Structures are given as structure tokens and as C-alpha cells.
Amino acid sequence: MVDTKIPPGTGADPTGSPAGKSPAPVKGSKRAWATAASGRTAALLVSPTLLVLTVVVLYPTIMAIRESLYGAKGLDPKTGFISDTEPFVGLQNYADIFGQAGDRFWNAFWNTTFFTVVTVGLETLIGVAMALIMHKAFSGRALIRASILIPWAVPTAISGLLWRWIFNSDGIANALIGHQVLWTTEGFHAKVAVIIAEVWKTSPFIGLLVLAGLQVIPKEVYEAARLDGAGPLAQFWRITLPLVKPALLVAVLFRCLDALRMFDLPYLLIGAQKNSVETLSMLAQNEASNIRFGPAAAYAVLLFVYVFLIALGFVRLLGTDLVGDVGGSAGPKRKNRLRRTPAPKSAEVPA
């Protein structure tokens, strides 16, 4: 074996590139330019949506917070004179809500929470059952689907008046149970009336979203499960429910946010200023109707914070399930690093 040294200018240099030539330039600048161009395009496409959200959401929220810092027109407690402008009171409206008006606020808060938990829970159970029925293939399925979706299509004002007629003292509800119940007066029965009307109206919404999730499940999955001996209950728990979980969670989230701002149905069905059914939205509306815009805005801001915290907690806890497990469960990504092996300075050839 003899070491034959490669003459300068005729072999490869230690970096692996031909001698006398500089290494090829890295295309990082082109990739960076493409990434920047893609980011600018994305920003341009998203900007109309951001503009609409700013006008529709951000600006009213800022103005509501500003209005909540002002008091009502009338007698100024500092000067003792009648004021035509709203005096600046700072956080006094919030102090009054948690102070002298605390009992009414907490009553409305717990009513809102109670209606949300109970109605959304019942609507989820009934909505999933509706989706399973609408997904089955049978004669007259189109008619059943239409009849199930009708309550959701009925305007809430019409629904409230309809159920008010049903829950009258001489209405259908009392005729069915054979007992005289004053549904539209103060008491727990007023809550029951609102829950029945709300569940009847909005259960089809959850059923519709779950039905959309059911229709994308391949039939081959159920056929394979039946061949493996899985019964209907096992198929529901192990196939149907996991695969429709993202759609179901989105439906539950939307219904929670909608139920937290409940106003029109209890207002039309039971009436205003009823402690049994008064919600935070009804409380804010009552203050605004009495020309106390500062306290009304304070109630609205507190409701906004409550809804925002519920939505944030929902997304934080179930955010992955809301959009599906895109990345899979393969664990953390590993980056493969390519190492360049330097070319040898000399080559061994047989003697």
C-alpha cells in the first residue's frame, strides 16, 4: 500500500467540493423570501376579517367598558345639582354591583349558570339521539329530518309566545298533567318552563352538527366492527362517539356561549324582573331601559368577561379535540440532522 497524495488543483478539497471552486451558495435567502411573501399574502387575506372583528367586536367592547365608568344622568351626589351629562364615577358601578346590588347580581348570575348547565346537558343527550335517528336509512327519513329541525327554525319570539300559551293556567301543560300549576309566576316551576322551551328549540342544533360528523364516518368501519362481534352499544362507544367528538364539542361550545346570554325566551315566556328566571342579560336590559346606561354597561362587561373565561377555559382544556389530533400521537418530532463527511486528503492505492 502506497500513499498517493492528490496534487493541488486536481482533487477534492476537505469540504467535498471540487478544488479551485467555491461551495455552492445555500438557498436560504430564497426560502426566507418565499416565507416572507407567504406571510404577507396571509396577512392580506386575513386583514378584512380582522377589520370586521375590530368594528363589530373590539370597538363596542371598548365603548362598553368606557360607558361603565360613568354614572346615570340626574342628581349629582357631589354637587347636589341636576346634571345633563353622565358623571364620571370610575369603578363605582362595579362596587355597587358587588355591594348594594349584590343580591340581585348573584341571583342573576346563578340563574344564568343554572340554565346553561341544565339546558346544554339535556340538549346534548337529545341532540345526539336526534342525530342517530336522522342518520339511519329508513322510509320517510326526509320527513323525520324536517320535523326534527322545525323547532330550531322557529324564531325565538314565536317560540316564547307559543310556550307561554302552552303553560297558561288553562293551557295544554296543565291539561296533560291534570294539575293546576302557575308556570309563568315566581317559583321553581318557572325555571322548569324555561328549560323545557329552550331544550325543545335548540336540541336540533346539536343534532344537526352531530349528524354532519356522522355522515363522514366510513361504513366499512361499522362493517368491520360487526364482523369482530361488536354490538350496537359497543359500536357507539368505541366508534361513533370518538369520531364525532370534535363536532360534538364544537356544538356544545356554541350552545354554552349562546345559553350564557339567554334573554329573549325567559323574557317572553315568564316576564321581566322575575327573580326565578332573571339572567345577566335581562339585568343589563332592565338597567338600560331605566336610562341607567353606566350600570347597564357594567353588567354587560361582567357578562362579557364571564363568557370570555368560559370560552377560554373550554378551548384550553379541549382545544386539541376541537380541531382533531392532526399531529397524531407519535410523540415529539425529531429533527434529522445531516452531517457532511469531509473528503479524505489522501487516498490509498495498492502498490
Protein backbone atom coordinates (compact mmCIF):
# COMPACT_ATOMS: atom_id res chain seq x y z
CA MET A 1 0.00 0.00 0.00
CA VAL A 2 1.44 3.36 -1.04
CA ASP A 3 0.10 6.76 -0.12
CA THR A 4 -0.50 8.75 -3.26
CA LYS A 5 -1.10 12.38 -2.50
CA ILE A 6 -3.52 14.25 -4.67
CA PRO A 7 -1.84 17.20 -6.37
CA PRO A 8 -3.22 20.63 -5.61
CA GLY A 9 -5.86 21.81 -8.02
CA THR A 10 -6.71 18.31 -9.32
CA GLY A 11 -8.58 16.66 -6.44
CA ALA A 12 -11.27 17.47 -3.92
CA ASP A 13 -10.77 19.83 -1.04
CA PRO A 14 -11.73 18.91 2.55
CA THR A 15 -15.25 20.35 2.13
CA GLY A 16 -16.09 17.87 -0.59
CA SER A 17 -16.32 20.42 -3.44
CA PRO A 18 -14.02 20.33 -6.47
CA ALA A 19 -10.71 22.08 -5.96
CA GLY A 20 -10.50 25.60 -7.18
CA LYS A 21 -14.28 26.10 -6.91
CA SER A 22 -16.13 27.75 -4.05
CA PRO A 23 -19.00 25.81 -2.37
CA ALA A 24 -22.44 26.24 -3.91
CA PRO A 25 -24.39 29.04 -2.16
CA VAL A 26 -27.09 27.93 0.24
CA LYS A 27 -30.62 28.70 -0.92
CA GLY A 28 -31.62 30.06 2.47
CA SER A 29 -32.22 33.56 1.10
CA LYS A 30 -34.76 32.23 -1.42
CA ARG A 31 -36.56 30.26 1.25
CA ALA A 32 -36.64 33.27 3.55
CA TRP A 33 -38.05 35.44 0.75
CA ALA A 34 -40.73 32.82 -0.03
CA THR A 35 -41.67 32.61 3.65
CA ALA A 36 -41.94 36.39 3.93
CA ALA A 37 -44.05 36.56 0.76
CA SER A 38 -46.35 33.85 2.10
CA GLY A 39 -46.70 35.74 5.39
CA ARG A 40 -47.59 38.96 3.58
CA THR A 41 -50.20 37.15 1.49
CA ALA A 42 -51.72 35.56 4.60
CA ALA A 43 -51.84 38.93 6.37
CA LEU A 44 -53.51 40.49 3.33
CA LEU A 45 -56.16 37.78 3.21
CA VAL A 46 -56.87 37.92 6.96
CA SER A 47 -56.97 41.72 7.19
CA PRO A 48 -60.64 42.09 6.06
CA THR A 49 -61.74 39.66 8.74
CA LEU A 50 -59.68 41.46 11.37
CA LEU A 51 -61.16 44.78 10.26
CA VAL A 52 -64.71 43.43 10.59
CA LEU A 53 -63.94 41.96 14.02
CA THR A 54 -62.45 45.27 15.12
CA VAL A 55 -65.56 47.18 14.08
CA VAL A 56 -68.10 44.63 15.30
CA VAL A 57 -66.41 43.31 18.46
CA LEU A 58 -63.46 45.36 19.65
CA TYR A 59 -64.91 48.86 19.27
CA PRO A 60 -68.24 48.09 21.03
CA THR A 61 -66.36 46.32 23.83
CA ILE A 62 -64.10 49.33 24.39
CA MET A 63 -67.09 51.70 24.34
CA ALA A 64 -68.99 49.48 26.80
CA ILE A 65 -66.03 49.48 29.19
CA ARG A 66 -65.80 53.27 28.85
CA GLU A 67 -69.55 53.70 29.47
CA SER A 68 -69.37 51.51 32.57
CA LEU A 69 -67.14 54.13 34.19
CA TYR A 70 -69.87 56.78 34.06
CA GLY A 71 -72.93 57.19 36.22
CA ALA A 72 -76.54 57.92 35.35
CA LYS A 73 -77.82 61.36 34.47
CA GLY A 74 -79.74 63.24 37.11
CA LEU A 75 -78.82 64.41 40.59
CA ASP A 76 -75.07 64.68 41.04
CA PRO A 77 -74.32 63.49 44.60
CA LYS A 78 -71.13 65.58 44.74
CA THR A 79 -72.65 68.94 43.81
CA GLY A 80 -76.34 68.38 44.57
CA PHE A 81 -77.37 69.81 41.20
CA ILE A 82 -79.17 68.18 38.27
CA SER A 83 -76.64 67.16 35.65
CA ASP A 84 -77.41 66.76 31.95
CA THR A 85 -74.23 64.76 31.38
CA GLU A 86 -73.18 61.43 32.78
CA PRO A 87 -70.73 62.00 35.65
CA PHE A 88 -67.51 60.02 35.72
CA VAL A 89 -67.66 57.63 38.67
CA GLY A 90 -64.76 55.29 37.91
CA LEU A 91 -65.32 51.80 39.30
CA GLN A 92 -68.26 52.83 41.46
CA ASN A 93 -70.74 50.96 39.25
CA TYR A 94 -68.83 47.73 39.80
CA ALA A 95 -68.62 48.44 43.53
CA ASP A 96 -72.39 48.92 43.64
CA ILE A 97 -72.97 45.67 41.73
CA PHE A 98 -70.98 43.66 44.26
CA GLY A 99 -72.21 45.78 47.15
CA GLN A 100 -75.71 47.18 47.48
CA ALA A 101 -76.95 45.38 44.32
CA GLY A 102 -75.06 42.21 45.09
CA ASP A 103 -78.09 40.05 45.90
CA ARG A 104 -79.74 40.75 42.58
CA PHE A 105 -76.50 40.28 40.63
CA TRP A 106 -75.66 36.93 42.21
CA ASN A 107 -79.23 35.73 41.72
CA ALA A 108 -78.99 36.54 38.01
CA PHE A 109 -75.51 35.00 37.85
CA TRP A 110 -76.65 31.69 39.32
CA ASN A 111 -79.78 31.65 37.17
CA THR A 112 -77.61 32.12 34.07
CA THR A 113 -75.23 29.36 35.14
CA PHE A 114 -78.07 27.01 36.09
CA PHE A 115 -79.86 27.46 32.77
CA THR A 116 -76.60 26.94 30.86
CA VAL A 117 -75.59 23.73 32.62
CA VAL A 118 -79.03 22.10 32.61
CA THR A 119 -80.16 23.08 29.13
CA VAL A 120 -76.85 22.30 27.39
CA GLY A 121 -76.64 18.93 29.17
CA LEU A 122 -80.16 17.92 28.13
CA GLU A 123 -79.71 19.29 24.63
CA THR A 124 -76.53 17.25 24.18
CA LEU A 125 -78.27 13.99 25.09
CA ILE A 126 -81.36 14.70 23.00
CA GLY A 127 -79.34 16.15 20.11
CA VAL A 128 -77.12 13.06 19.84
CA ALA A 129 -80.23 10.85 19.86
CA MET A 130 -81.75 13.01 17.11
CA ALA A 131 -78.58 12.73 15.03
CA LEU A 132 -78.56 8.94 15.34
CA ILE A 133 -82.21 8.78 14.25
CA MET A 134 -81.67 11.13 11.30
CA HIS A 135 -78.59 9.15 10.22
CA LYS A 136 -80.47 5.86 9.90
CA ALA A 137 -81.73 4.81 6.48
CA PHE A 138 -85.48 4.16 6.60
CA SER A 139 -88.60 5.07 4.73
CA GLY A 140 -89.72 8.64 5.43
CA ARG A 141 -86.32 9.79 6.70
CA ALA A 142 -86.64 13.15 4.91
CA LEU A 143 -89.93 13.86 6.69
CA ILE A 144 -88.45 12.93 10.08
CA ARG A 145 -85.43 15.17 9.47
CA ALA A 146 -87.63 18.10 8.53
CA SER A 147 -89.88 17.65 11.56
CA ILE A 148 -86.89 17.45 13.91
CA LEU A 149 -85.33 20.63 12.54
CA ILE A 150 -88.54 22.71 12.61
CA PRO A 151 -88.21 23.85 16.28
CA TRP A 152 -84.74 25.26 15.59
CA ALA A 153 -86.07 27.17 12.56
CA VAL A 154 -88.89 28.79 14.55
CA PRO A 155 -87.92 32.33 15.72
CA THR A 156 -87.36 32.60 19.45
CA ALA A 157 -90.06 35.26 19.81
CA ILE A 158 -92.65 32.94 18.24
CA SER A 159 -91.36 30.04 20.34
CA GLY A 160 -91.69 32.05 23.54
CA LEU A 161 -95.27 33.06 22.79
CA LEU A 162 -96.13 29.50 21.78
CA TRP A 163 -94.87 28.04 25.04
CA ARG A 164 -96.49 30.83 27.03
CA TRP A 165 -99.82 29.72 25.60
CA ILE A 166 -98.98 26.08 26.42
CA PHE A 167 -98.05 26.96 30.03
CA ASN A 168 -101.07 29.14 30.72
CA SER A 169 -103.18 28.21 33.71
CA ASP A 170 -105.75 26.70 31.35
CA GLY A 171 -103.19 25.57 28.77
CA ILE A 172 -102.16 22.22 27.37
CA ALA A 173 -99.48 21.56 30.01
CA ASN A 174 -101.92 21.61 32.92
CA ALA A 175 -104.43 19.58 30.92
CA LEU A 176 -101.83 16.87 30.33
CA ILE A 177 -100.64 16.59 33.92
CA GLY A 178 -104.14 17.03 35.37
CA HIS A 179 -102.92 19.54 37.93
CA GLN A 180 -103.13 23.31 38.17
CA VAL A 181 -99.63 24.83 38.02
CA LEU A 182 -98.96 28.55 37.58
CA TRP A 183 -95.96 28.10 35.29
CA THR A 184 -95.48 31.78 34.43
CA THR A 185 -95.27 33.04 38.01
CA GLU A 186 -92.40 33.10 40.51
CA GLY A 187 -91.02 29.76 41.60
CA PHE A 188 -89.02 26.76 40.50
CA HIS A 189 -91.78 25.78 38.04
CA ALA A 190 -90.91 28.93 36.06
CA LYS A 191 -87.35 27.62 35.66
CA VAL A 192 -88.74 24.26 34.50
CA ALA A 193 -90.91 26.01 31.90
CA VAL A 194 -87.92 27.94 30.52
CA ILE A 195 -85.76 24.78 30.42
CA ILE A 196 -88.43 22.79 28.54
CA ALA A 197 -88.93 25.55 25.97
CA GLU A 198 -85.18 26.09 25.50
CA VAL A 199 -84.38 22.38 25.14
CA TRP A 200 -87.23 21.92 22.65
CA LYS A 201 -85.96 24.77 20.49
CA THR A 202 -82.17 24.24 20.45
CA SER A 203 -81.68 20.47 20.67
CA PRO A 204 -81.94 20.20 16.84
CA PHE A 205 -78.91 22.49 16.54
CA ILE A 206 -76.67 19.98 18.31
CA GLY A 207 -78.34 17.16 16.38
CA LEU A 208 -77.56 18.86 13.07
CA LEU A 209 -73.85 19.31 13.84
CA VAL A 210 -73.50 15.76 15.15
CA LEU A 211 -75.29 14.47 12.05
CA ALA A 212 -72.66 16.20 9.90
CA GLY A 213 -69.98 14.34 11.86
CA LEU A 214 -71.78 11.01 11.48
CA GLN A 215 -72.02 11.29 7.71
CA VAL A 216 -68.23 11.36 7.25
CA ILE A 217 -67.65 8.07 9.12
CA PRO A 218 -66.95 5.28 6.57
CA LYS A 219 -69.45 2.43 6.59
CA GLU A 220 -66.57 -0.04 6.33
CA VAL A 221 -65.63 0.78 9.93
CA TYR A 222 -69.01 -0.45 11.20
CA GLU A 223 -68.91 -3.49 8.93
CA ALA A 224 -65.51 -4.48 10.32
CA ALA A 225 -66.77 -3.96 13.87
CA ARG A 226 -69.79 -6.19 13.22
CA LEU A 227 -67.52 -8.89 11.82
CA ASP A 228 -65.48 -8.68 15.03
CA GLY A 229 -68.65 -9.26 17.05
CA ALA A 230 -69.22 -5.70 18.31
CA GLY A 231 -72.82 -4.92 19.20
CA PRO A 232 -74.67 -1.61 18.69
CA LEU A 233 -73.68 -0.27 22.12
CA ALA A 234 -70.02 -1.17 21.65
CA GLN A 235 -70.05 0.43 18.20
CA PHE A 236 -71.48 3.64 19.65
CA TRP A 237 -68.94 3.93 22.48
CA ARG A 238 -65.86 2.77 20.55
CA ILE A 239 -66.53 4.10 17.04
CA THR A 240 -69.33 6.65 16.79
CA LEU A 241 -68.67 8.76 19.87
CA PRO A 242 -64.87 9.11 19.41
CA LEU A 243 -65.23 10.01 15.73
CA VAL A 244 -67.96 12.62 16.24
CA LYS A 245 -66.28 14.07 19.33
CA PRO A 246 -64.82 17.15 17.55
CA ALA A 247 -68.20 18.08 16.03
CA LEU A 248 -69.97 17.42 19.33
CA LEU A 249 -67.54 19.60 21.29
CA VAL A 250 -67.97 22.46 18.83
CA ALA A 251 -71.74 22.18 19.17
CA VAL A 252 -71.54 22.16 22.97
CA LEU A 253 -69.21 25.18 22.95
CA PHE A 254 -71.54 27.18 20.71
CA ARG A 255 -74.54 26.26 22.84
CA CYS A 256 -72.76 27.21 26.07
CA LEU A 257 -71.88 30.64 24.70
CA ASP A 258 -75.44 31.10 23.43
CA ALA A 259 -77.06 29.96 26.69
CA LEU A 260 -74.91 32.29 28.80
CA ARG A 261 -76.51 35.29 27.06
CA MET A 262 -80.06 33.96 27.38
CA PHE A 263 -82.58 36.79 27.34
CA ASP A 264 -85.48 36.59 24.91
CA LEU A 265 -87.05 33.26 25.86
CA PRO A 266 -87.43 33.84 29.64
CA TYR A 267 -88.35 37.46 28.97
CA LEU A 268 -91.24 36.49 26.68
CA LEU A 269 -92.27 33.30 28.46
CA ILE A 270 -92.18 34.42 32.12
CA GLY A 271 -91.69 38.17 32.05
CA ALA A 272 -89.27 40.85 33.21
CA GLN A 273 -87.98 41.33 36.78
CA LYS A 274 -88.85 37.79 37.87
CA ASN A 275 -86.19 36.61 40.31
CA SER A 276 -86.76 32.98 39.38
CA VAL A 277 -85.63 33.41 35.77
CA GLU A 278 -83.78 36.75 35.66
CA THR A 279 -80.44 36.37 33.86
CA LEU A 280 -77.48 38.71 33.49
CA SER A 281 -78.68 39.85 30.06
CA MET A 282 -82.13 40.65 31.47
CA LEU A 283 -80.50 42.56 34.32
CA ALA A 284 -78.46 44.68 31.90
CA GLN A 285 -81.53 45.34 29.76
CA ASN A 286 -83.55 46.41 32.78
CA GLU A 287 -80.90 48.95 33.77
CA ALA A 288 -80.68 50.30 30.22
CA SER A 289 -84.49 50.63 29.95
CA ASN A 290 -84.41 52.81 33.08
CA ILE A 291 -81.81 55.08 31.43
CA ARG A 292 -79.02 53.88 33.73
CA PHE A 293 -76.57 53.21 30.94
CA GLY A 294 -73.50 53.17 33.18
CA PRO A 295 -74.70 50.32 35.43
CA ALA A 296 -76.13 48.54 32.37
CA ALA A 297 -72.74 48.69 30.68
CA ALA A 298 -71.10 47.39 33.86
CA TYR A 299 -73.43 44.36 33.87
CA ALA A 300 -72.70 43.82 30.18
CA VAL A 301 -68.94 43.97 30.78
CA LEU A 302 -69.18 41.43 33.60
CA LEU A 303 -71.22 39.13 31.35
CA PHE A 304 -68.63 39.56 28.60
CA VAL A 305 -65.83 38.61 30.99
CA TYR A 306 -67.81 35.58 32.18
CA VAL A 307 -68.45 34.35 28.63
CA PHE A 308 -64.84 35.00 27.66
CA LEU A 309 -63.49 33.00 30.59
CA ILE A 310 -65.82 30.09 29.84
CA ALA A 311 -64.77 30.06 26.17
CA LEU A 312 -61.08 30.38 27.06
CA GLY A 313 -61.26 27.55 29.58
CA PHE A 314 -63.18 25.39 27.12
CA VAL A 315 -60.59 25.90 24.39
CA ARG A 316 -57.67 25.44 26.79
CA LEU A 317 -58.98 22.15 28.12
CA LEU A 318 -60.42 20.73 24.91
CA GLY A 319 -58.62 22.68 22.20
CA THR A 320 -56.95 19.61 20.69
CA ASP A 321 -60.25 17.76 20.47
CA LEU A 322 -61.97 20.77 18.92
CA VAL A 323 -59.75 20.64 15.83
CA GLY A 324 -58.82 16.97 15.88
CA ASP A 325 -55.50 15.32 16.52
CA VAL A 326 -53.73 16.50 13.41
CA GLY A 327 -50.27 15.65 14.55
CA GLY A 328 -51.17 12.17 15.73
CA SER A 329 -49.75 10.56 18.84
CA ALA A 330 -46.31 9.70 17.56
CA GLY A 331 -44.68 11.79 20.24
CA PRO A 332 -42.42 14.81 19.82
CA LYS A 333 -40.98 15.46 16.44
CA ARG A 334 -37.37 14.66 15.92
CA LYS A 335 -35.22 16.63 13.58
CA ASN A 336 -32.81 14.64 11.45
CA ARG A 337 -29.52 16.35 11.04
CA LEU A 338 -27.43 15.57 8.01
CA ARG A 339 -23.73 15.62 8.61
CA ARG A 340 -21.33 16.11 5.77
CA THR A 341 -18.35 13.80 5.88
CA PRO A 342 -15.20 15.58 4.75
CA ALA A 343 -13.37 14.03 1.83
CA PRO A 344 -10.06 12.36 2.67
CA LYS A 345 -6.90 14.31 1.99
CA SER A 346 -5.17 11.25 0.61
CA ALA A 347 -6.17 8.01 -0.97
CA GLU A 348 -4.58 4.62 -0.54
CA VAL A 349 -3.96 2.62 -3.70
CA PRO A 350 -2.37 -0.76 -3.96
CA ALA A 351 1.31 -0.78 -4.78
